[in-house]
Amino acid sequence: MANRFAPGVPDEEYKRGDVPMTKREVRAVTLAYARVGHDARVLDIGAGTGGLTVELARACAGGSVVAVERDAGALSLLRANVERLAPGNVEIVIGDAPEGLGEVEGPFDVVVVGGHGGKLAGVLAAAAGLLAPGGRVVVNVVGLGAVTAALDALSAAPWAGPECAQVSVSRAEPIGRDVRFVPLNPVFVLAASLAEEVSP
């Protein structure tokens, strides 16, 4: 499985713990907004257990992913999931964001923000400094306040073409001889491009 790319790796393929993980359907939509090329260089901020890290690494098999995570429990799962599902092109950096991003060397083609620790404005400012002109940023959030903050930030310079979608998924589960659909928590996926440099 690790050598074949198809967006939306089944959740059960991942080693799981108590750390929340971005669900399969949301990961697939996130990749659609990220527009990751085969040889892209990608930064995954707040990588958690590696749900998106694995998807990104498989999408850019000819490129590389730098995954930044601070939580010790998440880091052990991140390493295990990367080693099993997407070995070879992921570098894991232990650190907080945005403070620890000063040790990360850009430029990147895509920055994905899966976790921001309540410091979204600072994380997005750091992302802008690490992206190549025209590069993409994608942000996944669940709270309405974070949605508003992200959309406000991405609607101003240096960002262009902001987008926002709510992903609401219900999964079927058996109920007697029938099925019912159980909703997952809705997630907001926001994206924008770093404005291209303009020649004087």
Protein backbone atom coordinates (compact mmCIF):
# COMPACT_ATOMS: atom_id res chain seq x y z
CA MET A 1 0.00 0.00 0.00
CA ALA A 2 2.83 2.45 0.81
CA ASN A 3 4.00 2.52 -2.83
CA ARG A 4 0.58 3.19 -4.39
CA PHE A 5 -1.03 6.60 -4.16
CA ALA A 6 -4.77 6.93 -3.78
CA PRO A 7 -6.15 9.80 -1.69
CA GLY A 8 -8.04 8.79 1.41
CA VAL A 9 -6.04 6.00 3.05
CA PRO A 10 -8.53 4.01 5.20
CA ASP A 11 -8.49 5.12 8.83
CA GLU A 12 -7.92 1.56 10.02
CA GLU A 13 -4.54 1.48 8.26
CA TYR A 14 -3.17 3.97 10.80
CA LYS A 15 -1.90 3.28 14.28
CA ARG A 16 -4.22 5.23 16.55
CA GLY A 17 -4.07 6.53 20.10
CA ASP A 18 -5.86 9.19 22.10
CA VAL A 19 -4.65 11.93 19.75
CA PRO A 20 -7.37 13.08 17.31
CA MET A 21 -6.76 12.14 13.68
CA THR A 22 -8.05 13.80 10.52
CA LYS A 23 -10.56 11.39 9.02
CA ARG A 24 -10.23 9.78 5.60
CA GLU A 25 -12.80 11.90 3.78
CA VAL A 26 -11.39 15.17 5.13
CA ARG A 27 -7.87 14.13 4.15
CA ALA A 28 -9.00 13.50 0.58
CA VAL A 29 -10.65 16.93 0.35
CA THR A 30 -7.58 18.57 1.90
CA LEU A 31 -5.39 17.07 -0.81
CA ALA A 32 -7.75 18.37 -3.48
CA TYR A 33 -7.36 21.92 -2.16
CA ALA A 34 -3.59 21.54 -1.65
CA ARG A 35 -2.91 20.64 -5.30
CA VAL A 36 0.23 18.72 -4.40
CA GLY A 37 2.49 17.94 -7.34
CA HIS A 38 4.51 14.73 -7.69
CA ASP A 39 7.80 16.51 -6.93
CA ALA A 40 6.45 19.09 -4.47
CA ARG A 41 8.09 20.13 -1.23
CA VAL A 42 5.45 20.21 1.52
CA LEU A 43 5.33 21.44 5.12
CA ASP A 44 2.80 19.83 7.47
CA ILE A 45 2.33 21.95 10.61
CA GLY A 46 0.72 20.22 13.57
CA ALA A 47 1.13 16.80 12.00
CA GLY A 48 -0.44 14.90 14.90
CA THR A 49 -0.57 11.16 14.29
CA GLY A 50 0.42 11.63 10.65
CA GLY A 51 -2.90 11.22 8.87
CA LEU A 52 -2.22 14.09 6.50
CA THR A 53 1.55 13.58 6.54
CA VAL A 54 1.13 10.12 5.02
CA GLU A 55 -1.31 11.36 2.37
CA LEU A 56 0.96 14.27 1.44
CA ALA A 57 4.06 12.08 1.25
CA ARG A 58 2.30 9.61 -1.02
CA ALA A 59 1.03 12.42 -3.23
CA CYS A 60 4.53 13.91 -3.67
CA ALA A 61 6.45 10.66 -3.99
CA GLY A 62 9.11 12.47 -6.02
CA GLY A 63 9.34 15.31 -3.50
CA SER A 64 9.45 15.57 0.28
CA VAL A 65 7.44 16.43 3.38
CA VAL A 66 8.58 18.13 6.56
CA ALA A 67 6.21 17.29 9.41
CA VAL A 68 6.26 19.50 12.51
CA GLU A 69 4.73 18.21 15.77
CA ARG A 70 5.23 19.03 19.46
CA ASP A 71 3.21 16.40 21.35
CA ALA A 72 5.22 13.41 22.57
CA GLY A 73 2.29 11.00 22.31
CA ALA A 74 1.50 12.10 18.79
CA LEU A 75 5.16 11.92 17.72
CA SER A 76 5.46 8.19 18.45
CA LEU A 77 2.35 7.48 16.37
CA LEU A 78 3.52 9.87 13.64
CA ARG A 79 6.82 8.03 13.31
CA ALA A 80 5.13 4.62 13.25
CA ASN A 81 2.57 5.65 10.63
CA VAL A 82 5.13 7.30 8.37
CA GLU A 83 7.48 4.32 8.61
CA ARG A 84 4.73 1.89 7.67
CA LEU A 85 2.63 3.85 5.17
CA ALA A 86 4.93 6.44 3.56
CA PRO A 87 8.61 5.68 4.19
CA GLY A 88 11.42 7.51 2.49
CA ASN A 89 10.47 11.13 1.95
CA VAL A 90 9.34 12.51 5.32
CA GLU A 91 11.44 14.49 7.79
CA ILE A 92 9.95 14.89 11.27
CA VAL A 93 10.76 18.05 13.21
CA ILE A 94 9.94 18.26 16.92
CA GLY A 95 8.73 21.72 17.81
CA ASP A 96 5.95 24.19 18.41
CA ALA A 97 4.46 26.53 15.84
CA PRO A 98 5.06 29.24 14.98
CA GLU A 99 8.12 29.53 17.26
CA GLY A 100 9.83 26.34 16.10
CA LEU A 101 9.32 27.09 12.42
CA GLY A 102 12.38 29.31 12.45
CA GLU A 103 14.45 26.12 12.25
CA VAL A 104 12.61 24.94 9.13
CA GLU A 105 14.20 25.87 5.82
CA GLY A 106 11.94 26.90 2.93
CA PRO A 107 10.74 27.47 0.36
CA PHE A 108 7.82 25.04 0.17
CA ASP A 109 5.26 24.53 -2.57
CA VAL A 110 2.49 23.69 -0.10
CA VAL A 111 1.94 24.31 3.61
CA VAL A 112 -0.79 22.38 5.40
CA VAL A 113 -1.91 23.49 8.85
CA GLY A 114 -3.56 20.68 10.75
CA GLY A 115 -2.94 22.09 14.22
CA HIS A 116 -2.17 25.61 15.36
CA GLY A 117 -2.37 25.55 19.16
CA GLY A 118 -4.46 28.74 19.25
CA LYS A 119 -1.76 30.66 17.37
CA LEU A 120 -3.31 30.64 13.92
CA ALA A 121 -2.38 34.20 12.94
CA GLY A 122 1.28 33.58 13.80
CA VAL A 123 1.29 30.22 12.04
CA LEU A 124 -0.14 31.72 8.85
CA ALA A 125 2.38 34.58 8.95
CA ALA A 126 5.18 32.04 9.29
CA ALA A 127 3.69 29.96 6.46
CA ALA A 128 3.75 32.99 4.16
CA GLY A 129 7.47 33.38 4.85
CA LEU A 130 8.15 29.73 4.05
CA LEU A 131 6.12 29.40 0.84
CA ALA A 132 7.38 29.97 -2.67
CA PRO A 133 5.44 32.62 -4.62
CA GLY A 134 2.24 31.03 -5.91
CA GLY A 135 2.48 28.28 -3.29
CA ARG A 136 -0.61 26.96 -1.51
CA VAL A 137 -1.65 27.00 2.12
CA VAL A 138 -4.45 24.76 3.39
CA VAL A 139 -5.87 25.05 6.90
CA ASN A 140 -8.17 22.54 8.63
CA VAL A 141 -10.16 23.85 11.61
CA VAL A 142 -13.25 22.79 13.55
CA GLY A 143 -14.20 25.89 15.58
CA LEU A 144 -16.22 28.75 14.12
CA GLY A 145 -13.90 31.32 15.68
CA ALA A 146 -10.94 29.69 13.95
CA VAL A 147 -12.84 29.66 10.66
CA THR A 148 -13.45 33.40 10.91
CA ALA A 149 -9.85 34.11 11.89
CA ALA A 150 -8.46 31.97 9.07
CA LEU A 151 -10.77 33.44 6.44
CA ASP A 152 -9.99 37.00 7.55
CA ALA A 153 -6.25 36.30 7.35
CA LEU A 154 -6.43 34.54 3.98
CA SER A 155 -8.58 37.31 2.48
CA ALA A 156 -5.78 39.87 2.91
CA ALA A 157 -2.27 40.30 1.54
CA PRO A 158 -0.08 38.38 0.93
CA TRP A 159 -2.76 35.79 0.15
CA ALA A 160 -4.89 35.48 -2.98
CA GLY A 161 -7.95 33.48 -4.00
CA PRO A 162 -9.19 32.37 -0.58
CA GLU A 163 -11.51 29.36 -0.48
CA CYS A 164 -13.50 27.77 2.31
CA ALA A 165 -15.55 24.55 2.42
CA GLN A 166 -17.28 22.69 5.20
CA VAL A 167 -16.83 18.91 5.03
CA SER A 168 -19.71 17.09 6.72
CA VAL A 169 -19.55 13.31 6.50
CA SER A 170 -21.85 10.58 7.78
CA ARG A 171 -20.76 6.96 7.72
CA ALA A 172 -23.05 3.96 7.44
CA GLU A 173 -23.15 1.42 10.26
CA PRO A 174 -25.39 -1.64 10.64
CA ILE A 175 -28.55 -1.40 12.69
CA GLY A 176 -30.29 -4.77 12.67
CA ARG A 177 -30.97 -5.66 9.04
CA ASP A 178 -30.70 -2.04 7.98
CA VAL A 179 -28.09 0.70 8.19
CA ARG A 180 -28.01 4.11 9.76
CA PHE A 181 -25.69 7.01 9.06
CA VAL A 182 -23.60 8.33 11.94
CA PRO A 183 -22.25 11.88 11.49
CA LEU A 184 -18.62 12.77 12.06
CA ASN A 185 -17.63 16.19 13.36
CA PRO A 186 -17.75 18.76 10.53
CA VAL A 187 -14.40 20.20 9.50
CA PHE A 188 -13.71 23.45 7.65
CA VAL A 189 -11.06 23.36 4.93
CA LEU A 190 -9.64 26.74 3.95
CA ALA A 191 -7.07 27.43 1.26
CA ALA A 192 -5.32 30.28 -0.52
CA SER A 193 -2.28 30.93 -2.68
CA LEU A 194 0.65 33.15 -1.82
CA ALA A 195 0.48 36.10 -4.21
CA GLU A 196 3.02 35.96 -7.01
CA GLU A 197 5.86 38.46 -6.80
CA VAL A 198 5.29 41.47 -9.04
CA SER A 199 8.27 42.85 -10.95
CA PRO A 200 8.87 46.59 -10.43
